[in-house]
Amino acid sequence: MIDEEAKEEASEVSPKKRSHRTSLYRKTPATNPYIFTKKSVWMQRVADGVRAGASLYLTGETKVEKAAFLAGKFAARYKMNLSPQTDLSWRKKGKTVTRWIACCDEKSGLVKWVLLCWPGEDLDKSEKWQRVHDTRITHTGYELVRLTKTGAKAPVLTWRYTKKRFEELHDQIVKVIRLRQDALLDQIIHSLHRSPGFSGVWVQVKKLWDIVRAEWKRTRPRTEAVPEIPKNIGYVRRLPDVGIVWSELMKAEKPKPEGGEVSLIIKNCFGLRKVRYRGLAKIRLISITLKNAACLDWRICSSAKNGWMRSTESLRPENENFRKN
């Protein structure tokens, strides 16, 4: 369904007056970079950079523990995340300047980053730079685009769903209406309502709601009322920085148990089954306790023809059913 992370993004509270202070990601050293933890804020800062004239970019994902190393690597090669005054000064001299903007994805545990570039005479052409307006910057089903807007003198820069993601949402809506899965339809409508309210997304959401009404009218009897659809999703205003420096983010990461992740091969009435510690599959786990790196207590409940069968055991390295990944 709709990306759950986007549910709260449109409800971000913005300051009454637009803040002109420098974003925190430009005030922290590359050895301890600032990582955004709110996707809509990251999207807004990337758009700010492109709007300010960045014409090239690099992008990718990395593990949280490697983010500072990557930022330091770029900082050693380029003038990166400079103050506004220094940034402008170097650009006037014809030098290349960059901005490294990163966001931590809680679901994947990875850091999505973009290195925006204002090319100068010293640009390193060995990098695989991409042009902003030729290859769009994308993130979790959204893309940064220039669109014409009624009343605007020039195209505006905004985020919208990618063509693939929009078609997926269209197909989901049609499918759940035809299959009479009204609970899922309500969930889709609610999620769309909580989408980040960039103008490009706003226009697409209105189209998707029109699809809901049209498909409902086409496939359902007149006695069934169309589900309640919100009037709008609201626009994203100027959002304050929401994030944390890399060192604090590392402290906030959940520590892994001693001895690493453990796999158990457990015999039950259906034969051999594999249970992953911290990632359960196929067997209902009742309780699991890691005493130390050498002993794991577990209690499972597995399905059997005659009901639920319980088992408790302590497994040690000498036991053939215990092994580390």
C-alpha atoms as a PDB file:
ATOM      1  CA  MET A   1       0.000   0.000   0.000  1.00  0.00           C
ATOM      2  CA  ILE A   2       1.071   3.630   0.384  1.00  0.00           C
ATOM      3  CA  ASP A   3       4.462   4.080   1.963  1.00  0.00           C
ATOM      4  CA  GLU A   4       3.678   4.269   5.693  1.00  0.00           C
ATOM      5  CA  GLU A   5       6.493   6.727   6.262  1.00  0.00           C
ATOM      6  CA  ALA A   6       4.627   9.344   4.253  1.00  0.00           C
ATOM      7  CA  LYS A   7       1.583   9.239   6.540  1.00  0.00           C
ATOM      8  CA  GLU A   8       2.737  11.912   8.950  1.00  0.00           C
ATOM      9  CA  GLU A   9       4.679  14.090   6.562  1.00  0.00           C
ATOM     10  CA  ALA A  10       1.866  16.390   5.468  1.00  0.00           C
ATOM     11  CA  SER A  11       1.005  17.180   9.084  1.00  0.00           C
ATOM     12  CA  GLU A  12       4.390  18.731   9.833  1.00  0.00           C
ATOM     13  CA  VAL A  13       4.040  22.010  11.715  1.00  0.00           C
ATOM     14  CA  SER A  14       5.915  24.837  10.032  1.00  0.00           C
ATOM     15  CA  PRO A  15       6.950  28.131  11.616  1.00  0.00           C
ATOM     16  CA  LYS A  16       4.576  31.091  11.294  1.00  0.00           C
ATOM     17  CA  LYS A  17       7.337  33.083   9.651  1.00  0.00           C
ATOM     18  CA  ARG A  18       9.714  31.569   7.146  1.00  0.00           C
ATOM     19  CA  SER A  19      13.109  30.997   8.680  1.00  0.00           C
ATOM     20  CA  HIS A  20      16.135  32.158   6.720  1.00  0.00           C
ATOM     21  CA  ARG A  21      18.683  30.494   8.973  1.00  0.00           C
ATOM     22  CA  THR A  22      21.165  28.103   7.421  1.00  0.00           C
ATOM     23  CA  SER A  23      20.110  24.457   7.518  1.00  0.00           C
ATOM     24  CA  LEU A  24      21.911  22.405  10.146  1.00  0.00           C
ATOM     25  CA  TYR A  25      23.428  20.044   7.580  1.00  0.00           C
ATOM     26  CA  ARG A  26      25.663  22.935   6.467  1.00  0.00           C
ATOM     27  CA  LYS A  27      26.880  23.640  10.002  1.00  0.00           C
ATOM     28  CA  THR A  28      28.243  20.219  10.979  1.00  0.00           C
ATOM     29  CA  PRO A  29      31.665  18.786  10.039  1.00  0.00           C
ATOM     30  CA  ALA A  30      31.907  16.032   7.452  1.00  0.00           C
ATOM     31  CA  THR A  31      33.370  13.712  10.092  1.00  0.00           C
ATOM     32  CA  ASN A  32      30.067  13.930  11.994  1.00  0.00           C
ATOM     33  CA  PRO A  33      27.453  14.846   9.347  1.00  0.00           C
ATOM     34  CA  TYR A  34      23.875  15.876  10.012  1.00  0.00           C
ATOM     35  CA  ILE A  35      21.381  13.175   8.977  1.00  0.00           C
ATOM     36  CA  PHE A  36      17.744  14.068   8.359  1.00  0.00           C
ATOM     37  CA  THR A  37      15.226  11.710   9.943  1.00  0.00           C
ATOM     38  CA  LYS A  38      12.113  13.157   8.291  1.00  0.00           C
ATOM     39  CA  LYS A  39      11.738  12.393   4.611  1.00  0.00           C
ATOM     40  CA  SER A  40       9.663  15.449   3.676  1.00  0.00           C
ATOM     41  CA  VAL A  41      12.291  17.776   5.198  1.00  0.00           C
ATOM     42  CA  TRP A  42      15.061  16.031   3.246  1.00  0.00           C
ATOM     43  CA  MET A  43      13.013  16.342   0.055  1.00  0.00           C
ATOM     44  CA  GLN A  44      12.547  20.049   0.704  1.00  0.00           C
ATOM     45  CA  ARG A  45      16.273  20.649   1.289  1.00  0.00           C
ATOM     46  CA  VAL A  46      17.214  18.802  -1.902  1.00  0.00           C
ATOM     47  CA  ALA A  47      14.727  20.919  -3.841  1.00  0.00           C
ATOM     48  CA  ASP A  48      16.247  24.026  -2.235  1.00  0.00           C
ATOM     49  CA  GLY A  49      19.659  23.068  -3.577  1.00  0.00           C
ATOM     50  CA  VAL A  50      18.441  22.436  -7.106  1.00  0.00           C
ATOM     51  CA  ARG A  51      16.460  25.670  -7.011  1.00  0.00           C
ATOM     52  CA  ALA A  52      19.648  27.469  -5.961  1.00  0.00           C
ATOM     53  CA  GLY A  53      21.393  26.375  -9.143  1.00  0.00           C
ATOM     54  CA  ALA A  54      22.843  22.884  -8.594  1.00  0.00           C
ATOM     55  CA  SER A  55      23.044  21.276 -12.031  1.00  0.00           C
ATOM     56  CA  LEU A  56      24.822  17.967 -11.325  1.00  0.00           C
ATOM     57  CA  TYR A  57      24.415  15.303  -8.671  1.00  0.00           C
ATOM     58  CA  LEU A  58      25.466  11.920  -7.366  1.00  0.00           C
ATOM     59  CA  THR A  59      23.156   9.747  -5.290  1.00  0.00           C
ATOM     60  CA  GLY A  60      23.127   6.428  -3.498  1.00  0.00           C
ATOM     61  CA  GLU A  61      22.502   4.546  -0.266  1.00  0.00           C
ATOM     62  CA  THR A  62      24.854   3.384   2.452  1.00  0.00           C
ATOM     63  CA  LYS A  63      24.747   1.801   5.885  1.00  0.00           C
ATOM     64  CA  VAL A  64      24.455   4.159   8.842  1.00  0.00           C
ATOM     65  CA  GLU A  65      27.865   3.195  10.214  1.00  0.00           C
ATOM     66  CA  LYS A  66      29.509   4.103   6.885  1.00  0.00           C
ATOM     67  CA  ALA A  67      27.769   7.454   6.377  1.00  0.00           C
ATOM     68  CA  ALA A  68      30.435   9.578   8.095  1.00  0.00           C
ATOM     69  CA  PHE A  69      33.220   7.858   6.174  1.00  0.00           C
ATOM     70  CA  LEU A  70      31.432   8.539   2.878  1.00  0.00           C
ATOM     71  CA  ALA A  71      30.769  12.186   3.761  1.00  0.00           C
ATOM     72  CA  GLY A  72      34.409  12.636   4.776  1.00  0.00           C
ATOM     73  CA  LYS A  73      35.533  11.093   1.494  1.00  0.00           C
ATOM     74  CA  PHE A  74      33.509  13.613  -0.512  1.00  0.00           C
ATOM     75  CA  ALA A  75      34.630  16.498   1.714  1.00  0.00           C
ATOM     76  CA  ALA A  76      38.267  15.588   1.039  1.00  0.00           C
ATOM     77  CA  ARG A  77      37.680  15.836  -2.707  1.00  0.00           C
ATOM     78  CA  TYR A  78      35.250  18.758  -2.913  1.00  0.00           C
ATOM     79  CA  LYS A  79      34.357  21.941  -1.055  1.00  0.00           C
ATOM     80  CA  MET A  80      31.252  20.611   0.670  1.00  0.00           C
ATOM     81  CA  ASN A  81      28.451  22.028   2.837  1.00  0.00           C
ATOM     82  CA  LEU A  82      30.038  25.452   3.089  1.00  0.00           C
ATOM     83  CA  SER A  83      28.445  28.424   4.825  1.00  0.00           C
ATOM     84  CA  PRO A  84      26.341  30.620   2.490  1.00  0.00           C
ATOM     85  CA  GLN A  85      28.997  33.350   2.342  1.00  0.00           C
ATOM     86  CA  THR A  86      31.905  30.975   1.666  1.00  0.00           C
ATOM     87  CA  ASP A  87      29.823  28.976  -0.817  1.00  0.00           C
ATOM     88  CA  LEU A  88      29.028  32.101  -2.830  1.00  0.00           C
ATOM     89  CA  SER A  89      32.622  33.311  -2.675  1.00  0.00           C
ATOM     90  CA  TRP A  90      34.034  30.084  -4.119  1.00  0.00           C
ATOM     91  CA  ARG A  91      31.432  29.960  -6.853  1.00  0.00           C
ATOM     92  CA  LYS A  92      32.296  33.512  -7.923  1.00  0.00           C
ATOM     93  CA  LYS A  93      35.889  32.339  -8.279  1.00  0.00           C
ATOM     94  CA  GLY A  94      34.751  29.596 -10.663  1.00  0.00           C
ATOM     95  CA  LYS A  95      35.369  26.764  -8.202  1.00  0.00           C
ATOM     96  CA  THR A  96      33.236  23.638  -7.741  1.00  0.00           C
ATOM     97  CA  VAL A  97      31.132  23.505  -4.566  1.00  0.00           C
ATOM     98  CA  THR A  98      28.869  20.714  -3.329  1.00  0.00           C
ATOM     99  CA  ARG A  99      26.234  19.926  -0.726  1.00  0.00           C
ATOM    100  CA  TRP A 100      25.843  16.469   0.791  1.00  0.00           C
ATOM    101  CA  ILE A 101      22.275  15.915   2.031  1.00  0.00           C
ATOM    102  CA  ALA A 102      21.377  12.620   3.721  1.00  0.00           C
ATOM    103  CA  CYS A 103      18.251  11.030   5.179  1.00  0.00           C
ATOM    104  CA  CYS A 104      17.982   7.895   7.320  1.00  0.00           C
ATOM    105  CA  ASP A 105      15.290   5.402   6.319  1.00  0.00           C
ATOM    106  CA  GLU A 106      14.013   3.692   9.466  1.00  0.00           C
ATOM    107  CA  LYS A 107      12.542   0.769   7.539  1.00  0.00           C
ATOM    108  CA  SER A 108      15.654  -0.245   5.622  1.00  0.00           C
ATOM    109  CA  GLY A 109      18.172   1.127   8.112  1.00  0.00           C
ATOM    110  CA  LEU A 110      20.039   2.740   5.212  1.00  0.00           C
ATOM    111  CA  VAL A 111      21.056   6.333   4.636  1.00  0.00           C
ATOM    112  CA  LYS A 112      19.868   7.849   1.345  1.00  0.00           C
ATOM    113  CA  TRP A 113      22.209  10.611   0.213  1.00  0.00           C
ATOM    114  CA  VAL A 114      22.496  13.131  -2.604  1.00  0.00           C
ATOM    115  CA  LEU A 115      25.604  15.132  -3.459  1.00  0.00           C
ATOM    116  CA  LEU A 116      24.470  18.277  -5.282  1.00  0.00           C
ATOM    117  CA  CYS A 117      27.108  20.033  -7.351  1.00  0.00           C
ATOM    118  CA  TRP A 118      27.654  23.536  -8.704  1.00  0.00           C
ATOM    119  CA  PRO A 119      30.353  22.737 -11.284  1.00  0.00           C
ATOM    120  CA  GLY A 120      33.385  24.946 -11.730  1.00  0.00           C
ATOM    121  CA  GLU A 121      36.578  24.846 -13.733  1.00  0.00           C
ATOM    122  CA  ASP A 122      38.076  22.302 -11.308  1.00  0.00           C
ATOM    123  CA  LEU A 123      35.217  19.772 -11.640  1.00  0.00           C
ATOM    124  CA  ASP A 124      36.353  16.148 -11.339  1.00  0.00           C
ATOM    125  CA  LYS A 125      34.966  14.625 -14.535  1.00  0.00           C
ATOM    126  CA  SER A 126      35.942  11.108 -13.506  1.00  0.00           C
ATOM    127  CA  GLU A 127      32.841  10.984 -11.291  1.00  0.00           C
ATOM    128  CA  LYS A 128      29.636   9.669 -12.844  1.00  0.00           C
ATOM    129  CA  TRP A 129      27.771  12.947 -12.518  1.00  0.00           C
ATOM    130  CA  GLN A 130      24.133  13.070 -13.584  1.00  0.00           C
ATOM    131  CA  ARG A 131      22.350  16.186 -14.818  1.00  0.00           C
ATOM    132  CA  VAL A 132      19.497  17.249 -12.563  1.00  0.00           C
ATOM    133  CA  HIS A 133      17.077  17.993 -15.399  1.00  0.00           C
ATOM    134  CA  ASP A 134      18.025  14.985 -17.536  1.00  0.00           C
ATOM    135  CA  THR A 135      17.947  12.234 -14.895  1.00  0.00           C
ATOM    136  CA  ARG A 136      15.487  13.026 -12.110  1.00  0.00           C
ATOM    137  CA  ILE A 137      16.349  12.680  -8.438  1.00  0.00           C
ATOM    138  CA  THR A 138      14.104  10.005  -6.941  1.00  0.00           C
ATOM    139  CA  HIS A 139      13.353   8.725  -3.459  1.00  0.00           C
ATOM    140  CA  THR A 140      10.853   6.072  -2.235  1.00  0.00           C
ATOM    141  CA  GLY A 141       8.484   6.459  -5.162  1.00  0.00           C
ATOM    142  CA  TYR A 142       8.807  10.246  -5.552  1.00  0.00           C
ATOM    143  CA  GLU A 143      10.721  12.270  -8.131  1.00  0.00           C
ATOM    144  CA  LEU A 144      11.877  15.886  -8.313  1.00  0.00           C
ATOM    145  CA  VAL A 145      10.502  17.605 -11.430  1.00  0.00           C
ATOM    146  CA  ARG A 146       9.797  21.005 -12.997  1.00  0.00           C
ATOM    147  CA  LEU A 147       6.107  21.522 -13.756  1.00  0.00           C
ATOM    148  CA  THR A 148       4.128  24.375 -15.234  1.00  0.00           C
ATOM    149  CA  LYS A 149       1.687  25.853 -12.755  1.00  0.00           C
ATOM    150  CA  THR A 150      -1.323  28.065 -13.361  1.00  0.00           C
ATOM    151  CA  GLY A 151      -0.461  31.644 -12.558  1.00  0.00           C
ATOM    152  CA  ALA A 152       3.299  31.033 -12.394  1.00  0.00           C
ATOM    153  CA  LYS A 153       5.576  32.895 -14.796  1.00  0.00           C
ATOM    154  CA  ALA A 154       7.993  29.966 -15.039  1.00  0.00           C
ATOM    155  CA  PRO A 155       7.940  26.216 -14.315  1.00  0.00           C
ATOM    156  CA  VAL A 156       8.088  25.403 -10.599  1.00  0.00           C
ATOM    157  CA  LEU A 157      10.263  22.783  -8.916  1.00  0.00           C
ATOM    158  CA  THR A 158       8.278  20.186  -6.967  1.00  0.00           C
ATOM    159  CA  TRP A 159       8.038  16.539  -5.967  1.00  0.00           C
ATOM    160  CA  ARG A 160       5.504  14.081  -7.323  1.00  0.00           C
ATOM    161  CA  TYR A 161       4.956  10.324  -7.530  1.00  0.00           C
ATOM    162  CA  THR A 162       6.990   8.584 -10.197  1.00  0.00           C
ATOM    163  CA  LYS A 163       5.011   7.245 -13.154  1.00  0.00           C
ATOM    164  CA  LYS A 164       5.528   3.684 -11.920  1.00  0.00           C
ATOM    165  CA  ARG A 165       4.326   4.465  -8.397  1.00  0.00           C
ATOM    166  CA  PHE A 166       1.309   6.419  -9.640  1.00  0.00           C
ATOM    167  CA  GLU A 167       0.275   3.501 -11.867  1.00  0.00           C
ATOM    168  CA  GLU A 168       0.675   1.116  -8.917  1.00  0.00           C
ATOM    169  CA  LEU A 169      -1.661   3.270  -6.817  1.00  0.00           C
ATOM    170  CA  HIS A 170      -4.149   3.473  -9.693  1.00  0.00           C
ATOM    171  CA  ASP A 171      -4.166  -0.308 -10.077  1.00  0.00           C
ATOM    172  CA  GLN A 172      -4.540  -0.843  -6.316  1.00  0.00           C
ATOM    173  CA  ILE A 173      -7.569   1.422  -6.179  1.00  0.00           C
ATOM    174  CA  VAL A 174      -9.296  -0.280  -9.106  1.00  0.00           C
ATOM    175  CA  LYS A 175      -8.513  -3.733  -7.711  1.00  0.00           C
ATOM    176  CA  VAL A 176      -9.803  -3.189  -4.171  1.00  0.00           C
ATOM    177  CA  ILE A 177     -13.023  -1.559  -5.435  1.00  0.00           C
ATOM    178  CA  ARG A 178     -13.746  -4.415  -7.821  1.00  0.00           C
ATOM    179  CA  LEU A 179     -12.952  -7.021  -5.151  1.00  0.00           C
ATOM    180  CA  ARG A 180     -15.109  -5.125  -2.638  1.00  0.00           C
ATOM    181  CA  GLN A 181     -12.228  -4.766  -0.215  1.00  0.00           C
ATOM    182  CA  ASP A 182     -13.617  -1.590   1.309  1.00  0.00           C
ATOM    183  CA  ALA A 183     -11.388  -1.660   4.379  1.00  0.00           C
ATOM    184  CA  LEU A 184      -8.291  -1.589   2.180  1.00  0.00           C
ATOM    185  CA  LEU A 185      -9.812   1.207   0.114  1.00  0.00           C
ATOM    186  CA  ASP A 186     -10.314   3.269   3.268  1.00  0.00           C
ATOM    187  CA  GLN A 187      -6.672   2.667   4.132  1.00  0.00           C
ATOM    188  CA  ILE A 188      -5.519   3.860   0.691  1.00  0.00           C
ATOM    189  CA  ILE A 189      -7.667   6.992   0.929  1.00  0.00           C
ATOM    190  CA  HIS A 190      -6.334   7.745   4.408  1.00  0.00           C
ATOM    191  CA  SER A 191      -2.731   7.207   3.312  1.00  0.00           C
ATOM    192  CA  LEU A 192      -3.169   9.434   0.268  1.00  0.00           C
ATOM    193  CA  HIS A 193      -4.573  12.120   2.533  1.00  0.00           C
ATOM    194  CA  ARG A 194      -1.385  11.964   4.624  1.00  0.00           C
ATOM    195  CA  SER A 195       0.934  12.170   1.614  1.00  0.00           C
ATOM    196  CA  PRO A 196       3.530  14.970   1.677  1.00  0.00           C
ATOM    197  CA  GLY A 197       1.716  17.986   0.268  1.00  0.00           C
ATOM    198  CA  PHE A 198       4.106  19.127  -2.428  1.00  0.00           C
ATOM    199  CA  SER A 199       2.164  20.675  -5.288  1.00  0.00           C
ATOM    200  CA  GLY A 200       3.031  17.849  -7.704  1.00  0.00           C
ATOM    201  CA  VAL A 201       1.819  15.205  -5.241  1.00  0.00           C
ATOM    202  CA  TRP A 202      -1.284  17.255  -4.466  1.00  0.00           C
ATOM    203  CA  VAL A 203      -2.365  17.262  -8.128  1.00  0.00           C
ATOM    204  CA  GLN A 204      -1.796  13.498  -8.432  1.00  0.00           C
ATOM    205  CA  VAL A 205      -3.755  12.738  -5.252  1.00  0.00           C
ATOM    206  CA  LYS A 206      -6.733  14.684  -6.623  1.00  0.00           C
ATOM    207  CA  LYS A 207      -6.575  12.560  -9.792  1.00  0.00           C
ATOM    208  CA  LEU A 208      -6.476   9.351  -7.721  1.00  0.00           C
ATOM    209  CA  TRP A 209      -9.524  10.445  -5.741  1.00  0.00           C
ATOM    210  CA  ASP A 210     -11.333  11.125  -9.019  1.00  0.00           C
ATOM    211  CA  ILE A 211     -10.439   7.563 -10.037  1.00  0.00           C
ATOM    212  CA  VAL A 212     -11.968   6.277  -6.783  1.00  0.00           C
ATOM    213  CA  ARG A 213     -15.245   8.072  -7.498  1.00  0.00           C
ATOM    214  CA  ALA A 214     -15.377   7.021 -11.165  1.00  0.00           C
ATOM    215  CA  GLU A 215     -14.546   3.364 -10.529  1.00  0.00           C
ATOM    216  CA  TRP A 216     -16.971   3.154  -7.621  1.00  0.00           C
ATOM    217  CA  LYS A 217     -19.765   4.606  -9.765  1.00  0.00           C
ATOM    218  CA  ARG A 218     -18.944   2.211 -12.604  1.00  0.00           C
ATOM    219  CA  THR A 219     -18.780  -1.040 -10.595  1.00  0.00           C
ATOM    220  CA  ARG A 220     -21.015  -0.521  -7.531  1.00  0.00           C
ATOM    221  CA  PRO A 221     -24.813  -0.190  -7.307  1.00  0.00           C
ATOM    222  CA  ARG A 222     -26.304   3.230  -6.630  1.00  0.00           C
ATOM    223  CA  THR A 223     -27.418   2.107  -3.177  1.00  0.00           C
ATOM    224  CA  GLU A 224     -23.768   1.931  -2.037  1.00  0.00           C
ATOM    225  CA  ALA A 225     -22.419   5.341  -1.150  1.00  0.00           C
ATOM    226  CA  VAL A 226     -18.902   6.356  -2.184  1.00  0.00           C
ATOM    227  CA  PRO A 227     -16.479   6.286   0.780  1.00  0.00           C
ATOM    228  CA  GLU A 228     -15.789   9.655   2.370  1.00  0.00           C
ATOM    229  CA  ILE A 229     -12.912  11.379   0.602  1.00  0.00           C
ATOM    230  CA  PRO A 230     -11.082  14.363   2.166  1.00  0.00           C
ATOM    231  CA  LYS A 231     -11.287  17.675   0.325  1.00  0.00           C
ATOM    232  CA  ASN A 232      -7.510  18.189   0.156  1.00  0.00           C
ATOM    233  CA  ILE A 233      -4.185  17.115   1.642  1.00  0.00           C
ATOM    234  CA  GLY A 234      -2.799  20.553   2.432  1.00  0.00           C
ATOM    235  CA  TYR A 235       0.418  22.051   1.135  1.00  0.00           C
ATOM    236  CA  VAL A 236       3.836  21.541   2.726  1.00  0.00           C
ATOM    237  CA  ARG A 237       5.110  24.858   4.024  1.00  0.00           C
ATOM    238  CA  ARG A 238       8.630  25.675   5.111  1.00  0.00           C
ATOM    239  CA  LEU A 239       9.629  22.869   7.483  1.00  0.00           C
ATOM    240  CA  PRO A 240      12.208  23.134  10.279  1.00  0.00           C
ATOM    241  CA  ASP A 241      15.173  20.765  10.289  1.00  0.00           C
ATOM    242  CA  VAL A 242      14.350  17.359  11.757  1.00  0.00           C
ATOM    243  CA  GLY A 243      17.375  15.141  12.198  1.00  0.00           C
ATOM    244  CA  ILE A 244      20.410  14.224  14.241  1.00  0.00           C
ATOM    245  CA  VAL A 245      24.178  14.222  13.881  1.00  0.00           C
ATOM    246  CA  TRP A 246      25.734  10.916  12.850  1.00  0.00           C
ATOM    247  CA  SER A 247      27.417  10.194  16.205  1.00  0.00           C
ATOM    248  CA  GLU A 248      24.118  10.514  18.068  1.00  0.00           C
ATOM    249  CA  LEU A 249      22.370   8.416  15.441  1.00  0.00           C
ATOM    250  CA  MET A 250      24.906   5.652  16.005  1.00  0.00           C
ATOM    251  CA  LYS A 251      24.207   5.743  19.749  1.00  0.00           C
ATOM    252  CA  ALA A 252      20.491   5.510  19.067  1.00  0.00           C
ATOM    253  CA  GLU A 253      20.924   2.387  16.940  1.00  0.00           C
ATOM    254  CA  LYS A 254      19.725  -0.742  18.729  1.00  0.00           C
ATOM    255  CA  PRO A 255      22.715  -2.846  19.786  1.00  0.00           C
ATOM    256  CA  LYS A 256      22.938  -6.322  18.346  1.00  0.00           C
ATOM    257  CA  PRO A 257      23.051  -9.223  20.828  1.00  0.00           C
ATOM    258  CA  GLU A 258      26.410 -10.724  21.682  1.00  0.00           C
ATOM    259  CA  GLY A 259      27.403 -13.532  19.397  1.00  0.00           C
ATOM    260  CA  GLY A 260      25.548 -12.121  16.391  1.00  0.00           C
ATOM    261  CA  GLU A 261      22.269 -13.315  14.927  1.00  0.00           C
ATOM    262  CA  VAL A 262      21.469 -16.967  15.470  1.00  0.00           C
ATOM    263  CA  SER A 263      19.624 -19.456  13.313  1.00  0.00           C
ATOM    264  CA  LEU A 264      17.864 -22.441  14.840  1.00  0.00           C
ATOM    265  CA  ILE A 265      16.972 -25.612  13.016  1.00  0.00           C
ATOM    266  CA  ILE A 266      14.007 -26.983  14.915  1.00  0.00           C
ATOM    267  CA  LYS A 267      12.256 -30.307  14.490  1.00  0.00           C
ATOM    268  CA  ASN A 268       8.497 -30.353  14.757  1.00  0.00           C
ATOM    269  CA  CYS A 269       5.663 -32.418  13.448  1.00  0.00           C
ATOM    270  CA  PHE A 270       6.244 -31.207   9.870  1.00  0.00           C
ATOM    271  CA  GLY A 271       9.970 -31.953   9.794  1.00  0.00           C
ATOM    272  CA  LEU A 272      12.786 -29.410   9.749  1.00  0.00           C
ATOM    273  CA  ARG A 273      11.898 -25.727  10.083  1.00  0.00           C
ATOM    274  CA  LYS A 274      14.249 -22.748  10.241  1.00  0.00           C
ATOM    275  CA  VAL A 275      13.620 -19.880  12.636  1.00  0.00           C
ATOM    276  CA  ARG A 276      15.667 -16.675  12.368  1.00  0.00           C
ATOM    277  CA  TYR A 277      16.374 -14.866  15.597  1.00  0.00           C
ATOM    278  CA  ARG A 278      14.901 -11.314  15.309  1.00  0.00           C
ATOM    279  CA  GLY A 279      13.281 -12.265  12.001  1.00  0.00           C
ATOM    280  CA  LEU A 280      10.702 -14.974  12.607  1.00  0.00           C
ATOM    281  CA  ALA A 281       9.259 -17.063   9.822  1.00  0.00           C
ATOM    282  CA  LYS A 282       6.760 -19.921   9.523  1.00  0.00           C
ATOM    283  CA  ILE A 283       6.747 -20.719  13.248  1.00  0.00           C
ATOM    284  CA  ARG A 284       5.027 -18.715  15.965  1.00  0.00           C
ATOM    285  CA  LEU A 285       7.648 -17.742  18.509  1.00  0.00           C
ATOM    286  CA  ILE A 286       6.358 -17.481  22.081  1.00  0.00           C
ATOM    287  CA  SER A 287       9.553 -16.324  23.774  1.00  0.00           C
ATOM    288  CA  ILE A 288      13.257 -16.148  23.065  1.00  0.00           C
ATOM    289  CA  THR A 289      16.057 -15.084  25.398  1.00  0.00           C
ATOM    290  CA  LEU A 290      19.734 -14.730  24.600  1.00  0.00           C
ATOM    291  CA  LYS A 291      21.556 -15.542  27.845  1.00  0.00           C
ATOM    292  CA  ASN A 292      24.985 -15.145  26.305  1.00  0.00           C
ATOM    293  CA  ALA A 293      26.845 -15.826  23.079  1.00  0.00           C
ATOM    294  CA  ALA A 294      26.840 -19.553  23.763  1.00  0.00           C
ATOM    295  CA  CYS A 295      23.332 -20.283  24.997  1.00  0.00           C
ATOM    296  CA  LEU A 296      19.944 -19.441  23.575  1.00  0.00           C
ATOM    297  CA  ASP A 297      16.668 -20.266  25.325  1.00  0.00           C
ATOM    298  CA  TRP A 298      13.637 -20.513  23.108  1.00  0.00           C
ATOM    299  CA  ARG A 299      10.025 -21.626  23.339  1.00  0.00           C
ATOM    300  CA  ILE A 300       7.962 -22.187  20.217  1.00  0.00           C
ATOM    301  CA  CYS A 301       4.425 -22.980  19.305  1.00  0.00           C
ATOM    302  CA  SER A 302       4.041 -24.907  16.053  1.00  0.00           C
ATOM    303  CA  SER A 303       0.889 -25.965  14.258  1.00  0.00           C
ATOM    304  CA  ALA A 304      -0.085 -29.639  14.414  1.00  0.00           C
ATOM    305  CA  LYS A 305      -3.141 -31.562  13.340  1.00  0.00           C
ATOM    306  CA  ASN A 306      -4.083 -32.159  16.975  1.00  0.00           C
ATOM    307  CA  GLY A 307      -3.664 -28.540  18.039  1.00  0.00           C
ATOM    308  CA  TRP A 308      -0.721 -26.434  19.183  1.00  0.00           C
ATOM    309  CA  MET A 309       2.461 -28.152  20.321  1.00  0.00           C
ATOM    310  CA  ARG A 310       4.833 -26.381  22.727  1.00  0.00           C
ATOM    311  CA  SER A 311       8.521 -27.026  23.232  1.00  0.00           C
ATOM    312  CA  THR A 312      11.257 -25.474  25.381  1.00  0.00           C
ATOM    313  CA  GLU A 313      14.987 -26.112  25.149  1.00  0.00           C
ATOM    314  CA  SER A 314      18.393 -24.561  25.756  1.00  0.00           C
ATOM    315  CA  LEU A 315      20.723 -24.895  22.789  1.00  0.00           C
ATOM    316  CA  ARG A 316      24.511 -24.756  23.086  1.00  0.00           C
ATOM    317  CA  PRO A 317      27.262 -24.870  20.440  1.00  0.00           C
ATOM    318  CA  GLU A 318      27.816 -28.556  21.000  1.00  0.00           C
ATOM    319  CA  ASN A 319      24.172 -29.187  20.080  1.00  0.00           C
ATOM    320  CA  GLU A 320      23.905 -30.023  16.369  1.00  0.00           C
ATOM    321  CA  ASN A 321      20.763 -27.900  16.089  1.00  0.00           C
ATOM    322  CA  PHE A 322      22.584 -24.683  17.092  1.00  0.00           C
ATOM    323  CA  ARG A 323      24.680 -22.595  14.751  1.00  0.00           C
ATOM    324  CA  LYS A 324      25.662 -18.967  14.218  1.00  0.00           C
ATOM    325  CA  ASN A 325      25.109 -17.108  10.933  1.00  0.00           C
END
